[in-house]
Amino acid sequence: MESVENANNVCHDCGRQIIINGQEIDNGVFLVYDNAGEKINILKCNDCYAKNQALTNFQDCEVYSRVVGYIRPVQQWHKGKRQEYSEREEFVVARPEDPCC
């Protein structure tokens, strides 16, 4: 069994302080998730656990986009290209069966 002592003492979802006395958790739940063989230890406060028992937002999502002909991770772009990416607008092309105007 995993140890509560090795976990961060804040709620994963809301950041509220979790009170731990030895192996006892006063205001939360200790959860262990398996991510492709890697064990992830998470504490959730009772309120957040009651709302959603699932683990969300536990790893960053790498976004790829095209810049100057190459598809590359946005995180590797320089500051100017990242700013340009954040200002991009997505346009929806009307379908032929949609009436015009």
Protein backbone atom coordinates (compact mmCIF):
# COMPACT_ATOMS: atom_id res chain seq x y z
CA MET A 1 0.00 0.00 0.00
CA GLU A 2 1.20 3.48 -0.83
CA SER A 3 2.15 5.93 1.90
CA VAL A 4 0.21 9.10 2.64
CA GLU A 5 3.40 10.69 3.97
CA ASN A 6 4.91 10.87 0.47
CA ALA A 7 1.97 12.83 -0.97
CA ASN A 8 1.69 16.60 -1.31
CA ASN A 9 -0.57 17.95 1.49
CA VAL A 10 -2.90 19.96 -0.76
CA CYS A 11 -6.01 18.99 -2.72
CA HIS A 12 -5.16 18.23 -6.35
CA ASP A 13 -8.28 20.02 -7.64
CA CYS A 14 -8.77 23.11 -5.47
CA GLY A 15 -5.46 23.50 -3.62
CA ARG A 16 -7.04 23.39 -0.15
CA GLN A 17 -4.73 22.23 2.66
CA ILE A 18 -5.23 18.55 3.64
CA ILE A 19 -4.63 17.68 7.31
CA ILE A 20 -2.65 14.46 7.80
CA ASN A 21 -2.01 12.94 11.25
CA GLY A 22 0.37 9.99 10.76
CA GLN A 23 -1.52 7.66 8.40
CA GLU A 24 -4.91 9.31 9.09
CA ILE A 25 -6.37 11.94 6.75
CA ASP A 26 -8.80 14.29 8.50
CA ASN A 27 -10.43 16.14 5.61
CA GLY A 28 -9.65 14.27 2.43
CA VAL A 29 -9.01 11.09 0.47
CA PHE A 30 -5.70 9.52 -0.64
CA LEU A 31 -5.87 8.15 -4.19
CA VAL A 32 -3.33 6.11 -6.17
CA TYR A 33 -3.65 6.09 -9.95
CA ASP A 34 -1.74 3.94 -12.43
CA ASN A 35 -0.50 5.82 -15.50
CA ALA A 36 1.13 3.24 -17.81
CA GLY A 37 2.99 1.65 -14.90
CA GLU A 38 3.80 4.92 -13.12
CA LYS A 39 2.03 5.32 -9.77
CA ILE A 40 0.54 8.77 -9.18
CA ASN A 41 -0.32 9.65 -5.56
CA ILE A 42 -3.04 12.28 -5.22
CA LEU A 43 -4.89 13.85 -2.31
CA LYS A 44 -8.37 15.28 -2.78
CA CYS A 45 -10.42 17.13 -0.18
CA ASN A 46 -13.78 15.60 0.70
CA ASP A 47 -15.70 18.29 -1.24
CA CYS A 48 -13.77 17.79 -4.49
CA TYR A 49 -13.91 14.00 -4.16
CA ALA A 50 -17.70 14.17 -3.74
CA LYS A 51 -17.98 16.29 -6.93
CA ASN A 52 -15.62 14.21 -9.09
CA GLN A 53 -13.75 11.05 -8.09
CA ALA A 54 -11.77 10.93 -11.33
CA LEU A 55 -8.27 12.30 -11.75
CA THR A 56 -8.09 15.11 -14.30
CA ASN A 57 -5.34 17.54 -15.37
CA PHE A 58 -2.50 15.38 -14.11
CA GLN A 59 -0.20 15.83 -17.07
CA ASP A 60 0.42 18.56 -19.62
CA CYS A 61 -0.96 18.12 -23.10
CA GLU A 62 1.55 18.73 -25.87
CA VAL A 63 0.02 20.76 -28.71
CA TYR A 64 1.38 20.52 -32.24
CA SER A 65 0.74 23.05 -34.96
CA ARG A 66 2.13 24.05 -38.31
CA VAL A 67 4.54 26.95 -38.58
CA VAL A 68 6.54 27.79 -41.73
CA GLY A 69 5.81 24.40 -43.27
CA TYR A 70 6.77 22.24 -40.27
CA ILE A 71 4.58 20.57 -37.66
CA ARG A 72 6.26 21.11 -34.30
CA PRO A 73 5.26 21.29 -30.63
CA VAL A 74 4.06 24.80 -29.80
CA GLN A 75 6.11 24.68 -26.59
CA GLN A 76 9.32 24.66 -28.70
CA TRP A 77 8.43 27.81 -30.60
CA HIS A 78 10.07 31.13 -29.79
CA LYS A 79 8.10 33.87 -28.05
CA GLY A 80 6.97 35.63 -31.24
CA LYS A 81 5.54 32.51 -32.86
CA ARG A 82 3.75 31.51 -29.61
CA GLN A 83 2.15 34.97 -29.48
CA GLU A 84 1.07 34.62 -33.11
CA TYR A 85 -0.42 31.20 -32.30
CA SER A 86 -2.40 32.59 -29.34
CA GLU A 87 -3.87 35.32 -31.59
CA ARG A 88 -4.98 32.93 -34.34
CA GLU A 89 -8.68 32.82 -35.12
CA GLU A 90 -10.40 29.66 -36.24
CA PHE A 91 -12.75 30.10 -39.16
CA VAL A 92 -15.61 27.74 -39.94
CA VAL A 93 -16.25 27.26 -43.63
CA ALA A 94 -19.93 27.10 -44.51
CA ARG A 95 -21.13 23.80 -45.88
CA PRO A 96 -22.54 23.87 -49.43
CA GLU A 97 -26.01 22.89 -48.21
CA ASP A 98 -26.16 25.87 -45.80
CA PRO A 99 -27.98 28.89 -47.19
CA CYS A 100 -25.89 31.94 -47.88
CA CYS A 101 -26.43 35.16 -45.91
